[in-house]
Amino acid sequence: MAPRAAPFLLFAPLLLFSFMVRDGRAQESDTGQGAQRFMEYCAGCHGADAKGGDKAPSLLSPGSTIHRSDSELFHIVRDGTQGGMPPFAQIGDANIRAVLQFLRKLENNTPAKSVSAEIAVTGDADLGRALYFGRAQCSQCHLMQGKGGFIASSLTHYGRNRAADEILKAITTPDTPLTPSSQVVTVTTSTGQRLTGVLRNEDNFNLELQSEDGRYHFLARSDAKDVHYTEHSLMPRDYATRLSAKELNDIVSFLIVSSRNPPPEKVGTR
């Protein structure tokens, strides 16, 4: 009996290891798919990092994903909620599970407590405010405490759950990652008209753009002779050279400080 069992005992660890490698690769694949689907279907409202946007709250705060079961989250995504979240059953069960796996991965890398309530800012928030509404021109696109533009996401609550280095990275490398609903495209129509704006929505039949003046343009695919995808958003990509390190730190400090006890958001004015 022993001689026959020996080959199996030698082979069993290798077999177990091969299953572990295969399962690990499958999980990596699912997480990558989940990240893609999250950017496609969720980031436009919940933010590219899932920490909230101007349309929907953070998915990484207590009470969102951390204290809910996978089954409960699955039904929320598939069926929607009475609070206003639309159902996403159309993307399929496999994609929903991949998104949830991606969120669990983000959840495991997120501090349990609010960052902005603990972190000590090192810049001058008052100077950061002056830059935000002045030379840096952030307020041309972003709403902040009821003032500013509206074509980009509101930043009133942006610094609440984000560390300083994370906010700095978002400013200096704004398209990493690029949220599909913030990509700039240029459309040439069949009549020769050229429209440039943020791609808010698209499918096989229609395109929806928002130009910098705030106007929405709804186009049929059949009327679009050419669509050029720029692979970037409206966010300037030269802040790292246009502003000094101190100025960037001041803006980051302003975003963190202003998010701690923001007043109720009102309709934006420019």
Protein backbone atom coordinates (compact mmCIF):
# COMPACT_ATOMS: atom_id res chain seq x y z
CA MET A 1 0.00 0.00 0.00
CA ALA A 2 2.75 2.48 0.89
CA PRO A 3 4.57 2.33 -2.48
CA ARG A 4 1.31 3.06 -4.33
CA ALA A 5 0.38 5.92 -2.04
CA ALA A 6 3.76 7.63 -2.32
CA PRO A 7 3.33 9.01 -5.87
CA PHE A 8 -0.06 10.44 -4.95
CA LEU A 9 1.35 12.09 -1.82
CA LEU A 10 4.04 13.67 -3.94
CA PHE A 11 1.57 14.80 -6.60
CA ALA A 12 -1.15 16.10 -4.24
CA PRO A 13 0.73 19.27 -3.14
CA LEU A 14 1.45 20.14 -6.78
CA LEU A 15 -2.22 19.64 -7.67
CA LEU A 16 -3.31 21.81 -4.74
CA PHE A 17 -0.80 24.51 -5.73
CA SER A 18 -2.08 24.50 -9.33
CA PHE A 19 -5.65 25.03 -8.11
CA MET A 20 -4.51 27.88 -5.86
CA VAL A 21 -2.70 29.59 -8.76
CA ARG A 22 -5.68 29.12 -11.05
CA ASP A 23 -8.11 30.53 -8.45
CA GLY A 24 -5.77 33.44 -7.78
CA ARG A 25 -5.57 34.28 -11.47
CA ALA A 26 -9.35 33.99 -11.77
CA GLN A 27 -9.81 36.42 -8.88
CA GLU A 28 -7.36 38.88 -10.45
CA SER A 29 -9.28 38.61 -13.72
CA ASP A 30 -12.59 39.18 -11.95
CA THR A 31 -11.18 42.20 -10.10
CA GLY A 32 -9.89 43.68 -13.34
CA GLN A 33 -13.25 43.11 -14.99
CA GLY A 34 -14.95 44.61 -11.95
CA ALA A 35 -12.78 47.73 -12.16
CA GLN A 36 -13.70 48.16 -15.83
CA ARG A 37 -17.40 47.69 -15.16
CA PHE A 38 -17.28 50.01 -12.17
CA MET A 39 -15.72 52.75 -14.30
CA GLU A 40 -18.32 52.13 -16.98
CA TYR A 41 -21.47 52.00 -14.88
CA CYS A 42 -20.75 53.37 -11.38
CA ALA A 43 -17.95 55.95 -11.42
CA GLY A 44 -20.06 58.65 -13.06
CA CYS A 45 -22.11 58.95 -9.85
CA HIS A 46 -19.97 57.42 -7.08
CA GLY A 47 -16.57 58.74 -8.23
CA ALA A 48 -13.70 56.91 -9.91
CA ASP A 49 -12.35 55.89 -6.49
CA ALA A 50 -15.82 55.00 -5.12
CA LYS A 51 -15.51 57.71 -2.47
CA GLY A 52 -18.49 59.69 -3.68
CA GLY A 53 -19.33 62.28 -6.29
CA ASP A 54 -21.81 65.07 -6.81
CA LYS A 55 -24.60 62.60 -7.68
CA ALA A 56 -24.13 59.76 -5.20
CA PRO A 57 -22.38 59.06 -1.87
CA SER A 58 -19.23 57.14 -1.05
CA LEU A 59 -19.39 53.36 -1.33
CA LEU A 60 -16.56 52.91 1.15
CA SER A 61 -18.07 54.62 4.19
CA PRO A 62 -19.64 52.71 7.12
CA GLY A 63 -23.12 51.55 6.22
CA SER A 64 -22.46 51.41 2.48
CA THR A 65 -20.53 48.22 1.67
CA ILE A 66 -18.50 47.51 4.79
CA HIS A 67 -21.44 46.36 6.94
CA ARG A 68 -23.53 44.74 4.20
CA SER A 69 -23.41 41.14 3.02
CA ASP A 70 -22.51 40.22 -0.55
CA SER A 71 -26.05 38.97 -1.10
CA GLU A 72 -27.56 42.26 0.09
CA LEU A 73 -25.21 44.31 -2.08
CA PHE A 74 -25.95 42.11 -5.08
CA HIS A 75 -29.69 42.79 -4.78
CA ILE A 76 -29.08 46.53 -4.34
CA VAL A 77 -27.06 46.71 -7.55
CA ARG A 78 -29.36 44.41 -9.52
CA ASP A 79 -32.70 45.81 -8.34
CA GLY A 80 -31.85 49.41 -7.41
CA THR A 81 -33.16 51.27 -4.35
CA GLN A 82 -36.09 53.47 -3.42
CA GLY A 83 -33.54 56.18 -2.64
CA GLY A 84 -32.92 56.77 -6.33
CA MET A 85 -30.28 54.26 -7.43
CA PRO A 86 -31.37 52.70 -10.74
CA PRO A 87 -31.32 48.92 -11.25
CA PHE A 88 -28.40 47.39 -13.16
CA ALA A 89 -29.80 43.95 -13.89
CA GLN A 90 -29.09 44.56 -17.57
CA ILE A 91 -25.31 44.23 -17.09
CA GLY A 92 -25.69 40.59 -15.99
CA ASP A 93 -25.07 38.72 -12.73
CA ALA A 94 -21.40 37.99 -13.56
CA ASN A 95 -20.59 41.67 -14.04
CA ILE A 96 -22.43 42.63 -10.85
CA ARG A 97 -20.39 40.08 -8.86
CA ALA A 98 -17.18 41.37 -10.46
CA VAL A 99 -18.06 44.94 -9.43
CA LEU A 100 -18.74 43.80 -5.86
CA GLN A 101 -15.42 41.96 -5.73
CA PHE A 102 -13.68 45.14 -6.90
CA LEU A 103 -15.47 47.14 -4.18
CA ARG A 104 -14.38 44.63 -1.53
CA LYS A 105 -10.80 45.08 -2.67
CA LEU A 106 -11.13 48.86 -2.36
CA GLU A 107 -12.80 48.43 1.02
CA ASN A 108 -9.84 46.42 2.35
CA ASN A 109 -7.47 49.22 1.36
CA THR A 110 -9.56 51.99 2.93
CA PRO A 111 -8.91 53.35 6.46
CA ALA A 112 -11.77 52.68 8.83
CA LYS A 113 -12.05 56.32 9.93
CA SER A 114 -12.59 59.52 8.02
CA VAL A 115 -9.31 60.89 6.70
CA SER A 116 -10.16 64.59 6.69
CA ALA A 117 -11.28 64.52 10.34
CA GLU A 118 -7.83 63.35 11.44
CA ILE A 119 -5.28 64.65 8.98
CA ALA A 120 -3.43 67.86 9.78
CA VAL A 121 -3.22 70.05 6.69
CA THR A 122 0.18 71.59 6.00
CA GLY A 123 -0.85 74.32 3.57
CA ASP A 124 -2.68 77.63 3.88
CA ALA A 125 -6.36 76.95 3.23
CA ASP A 126 -7.15 80.67 2.81
CA LEU A 127 -4.55 81.04 0.07
CA GLY A 128 -5.87 77.82 -1.42
CA ARG A 129 -9.37 79.31 -1.55
CA ALA A 130 -8.03 82.38 -3.35
CA LEU A 131 -6.29 80.15 -5.90
CA TYR A 132 -9.35 77.92 -6.32
CA PHE A 133 -11.62 80.84 -7.17
CA GLY A 134 -8.85 82.81 -8.87
CA ARG A 135 -5.76 81.99 -10.87
CA ALA A 136 -6.13 78.19 -10.79
CA GLN A 137 -9.62 78.59 -12.31
CA CYS A 138 -11.02 75.53 -10.54
CA SER A 139 -14.36 77.25 -9.97
CA GLN A 140 -14.96 77.64 -13.69
CA CYS A 141 -15.96 73.97 -13.83
CA HIS A 142 -16.40 72.80 -10.22
CA LEU A 143 -19.05 73.84 -7.74
CA MET A 144 -17.79 74.60 -4.23
CA GLN A 145 -20.22 75.46 -1.44
CA GLY A 146 -22.78 76.90 -3.83
CA LYS A 147 -20.36 78.84 -6.01
CA GLY A 148 -18.72 77.94 -9.29
CA GLY A 149 -19.37 76.00 -12.45
CA PHE A 150 -21.45 72.90 -12.96
CA ILE A 151 -19.98 71.01 -15.90
CA ALA A 152 -17.61 69.09 -13.60
CA SER A 153 -18.38 67.36 -10.30
CA SER A 154 -19.00 69.32 -7.11
CA LEU A 155 -15.99 69.48 -4.77
CA THR A 156 -17.87 70.61 -1.67
CA HIS A 157 -17.49 67.19 -0.03
CA TYR A 158 -14.53 65.98 -2.06
CA GLY A 159 -11.87 66.27 0.64
CA ARG A 160 -13.91 64.55 3.34
CA ASN A 161 -12.64 61.00 2.78
CA ARG A 162 -9.42 61.62 0.88
CA ALA A 163 -5.82 62.00 2.02
CA ALA A 164 -3.73 64.96 0.91
CA ASP A 165 -1.48 62.94 -1.41
CA GLU A 166 -4.53 61.37 -3.04
CA ILE A 167 -6.07 64.79 -3.76
CA LEU A 168 -2.74 66.07 -5.09
CA LYS A 169 -2.49 63.12 -7.46
CA ALA A 170 -6.03 63.79 -8.73
CA ILE A 171 -5.05 67.39 -9.49
CA THR A 172 -1.73 66.70 -11.20
CA THR A 173 -2.72 63.47 -13.01
CA PRO A 174 -6.46 64.02 -13.55
CA ASP A 175 -7.02 61.29 -16.13
CA THR A 176 -5.69 58.45 -13.97
CA PRO A 177 -8.16 56.87 -14.16
CA LEU A 178 -10.38 58.53 -16.75
CA THR A 179 -14.08 58.30 -15.91
CA PRO A 180 -16.00 57.49 -19.12
CA SER A 181 -18.68 60.10 -18.35
CA SER A 182 -16.06 62.88 -18.14
CA GLN A 183 -14.21 62.19 -21.39
CA VAL A 184 -14.06 65.01 -23.94
CA VAL A 185 -15.07 64.15 -27.50
CA THR A 186 -15.33 66.10 -30.74
CA VAL A 187 -18.19 65.18 -33.03
CA THR A 188 -18.44 66.16 -36.68
CA THR A 189 -22.02 65.89 -37.89
CA SER A 190 -23.20 64.89 -41.34
CA THR A 191 -23.86 68.59 -42.07
CA GLY A 192 -20.27 69.57 -41.18
CA GLN A 193 -20.99 71.03 -37.71
CA ARG A 194 -18.29 70.39 -35.08
CA LEU A 195 -19.26 69.97 -31.44
CA THR A 196 -16.81 69.53 -28.56
CA GLY A 197 -17.96 68.56 -25.11
CA VAL A 198 -18.02 66.04 -22.30
CA LEU A 199 -19.42 62.66 -23.32
CA ARG A 200 -22.23 62.19 -20.81
CA ASN A 201 -23.76 59.11 -22.36
CA GLU A 202 -23.60 56.96 -25.49
CA ASP A 203 -24.99 53.75 -26.89
CA ASN A 204 -25.32 52.14 -30.30
CA PHE A 205 -27.92 54.68 -31.40
CA ASN A 206 -27.32 58.00 -29.60
CA LEU A 207 -24.67 60.35 -28.21
CA GLU A 208 -25.16 62.88 -25.43
CA LEU A 209 -22.64 65.72 -25.06
CA GLN A 210 -22.40 68.65 -22.69
CA SER A 211 -20.41 71.63 -23.97
CA GLU A 212 -18.51 73.99 -21.67
CA ASP A 213 -21.36 76.50 -21.74
CA GLY A 214 -23.50 73.87 -20.01
CA ARG A 215 -25.71 73.07 -22.97
CA TYR A 216 -26.64 69.47 -23.71
CA HIS A 217 -26.51 68.16 -27.27
CA PHE A 218 -28.39 64.96 -28.18
CA LEU A 219 -27.26 63.36 -31.42
CA ALA A 220 -28.28 60.26 -33.30
CA ARG A 221 -25.39 58.02 -34.31
CA SER A 222 -26.59 58.25 -37.89
CA ASP A 223 -26.04 62.04 -37.76
CA ALA A 224 -22.47 61.75 -36.45
CA LYS A 225 -20.05 61.54 -39.37
CA ASP A 226 -17.00 61.28 -37.09
CA VAL A 227 -16.46 60.95 -33.34
CA HIS A 228 -13.00 61.73 -31.96
CA TYR A 229 -12.34 60.45 -28.43
CA THR A 230 -9.63 62.59 -26.80
CA GLU A 231 -8.91 60.12 -23.95
CA HIS A 232 -8.85 63.00 -21.44
CA SER A 233 -11.27 65.12 -19.42
CA LEU A 234 -11.71 68.90 -19.27
CA MET A 235 -9.40 69.01 -16.26
CA PRO A 236 -6.13 70.81 -17.14
CA ARG A 237 -3.17 68.45 -17.27
CA ASP A 238 -0.46 71.03 -16.54
CA TYR A 239 -1.17 71.96 -12.92
CA ALA A 240 2.07 70.27 -11.82
CA THR A 241 4.05 72.86 -13.84
CA ARG A 242 1.60 75.77 -13.81
CA LEU A 243 1.42 75.90 -10.01
CA SER A 244 4.21 75.63 -7.46
CA ALA A 245 4.37 72.83 -4.90
CA LYS A 246 3.27 75.28 -2.20
CA GLU A 247 0.31 76.50 -4.24
CA LEU A 248 -0.80 72.94 -4.90
CA ASN A 249 -0.52 72.18 -1.20
CA ASP A 250 -2.62 75.25 -0.38
CA ILE A 251 -5.38 74.12 -2.74
CA VAL A 252 -5.30 70.60 -1.30
CA SER A 253 -5.55 72.07 2.21
CA PHE A 254 -8.51 74.21 1.16
CA LEU A 255 -10.36 71.19 -0.25
CA ILE A 256 -9.81 69.22 2.95
CA VAL A 257 -10.70 72.01 5.38
CA SER A 258 -13.76 73.16 3.43
CA SER A 259 -15.22 69.63 3.36
CA ARG A 260 -15.29 69.19 7.14
CA ASN A 261 -18.36 71.31 7.92
CA PRO A 262 -19.71 72.50 4.58
CA PRO A 263 -22.93 74.54 4.44
CA PRO A 264 -25.92 73.07 2.56
CA GLU A 265 -25.21 73.16 -1.17
CA LYS A 266 -27.26 75.66 -3.17
CA VAL A 267 -27.71 76.24 -6.85
CA GLY A 268 -24.38 77.26 -8.38
CA THR A 269 -23.62 80.79 -9.49
CA ARG A 270 -20.66 81.98 -11.46
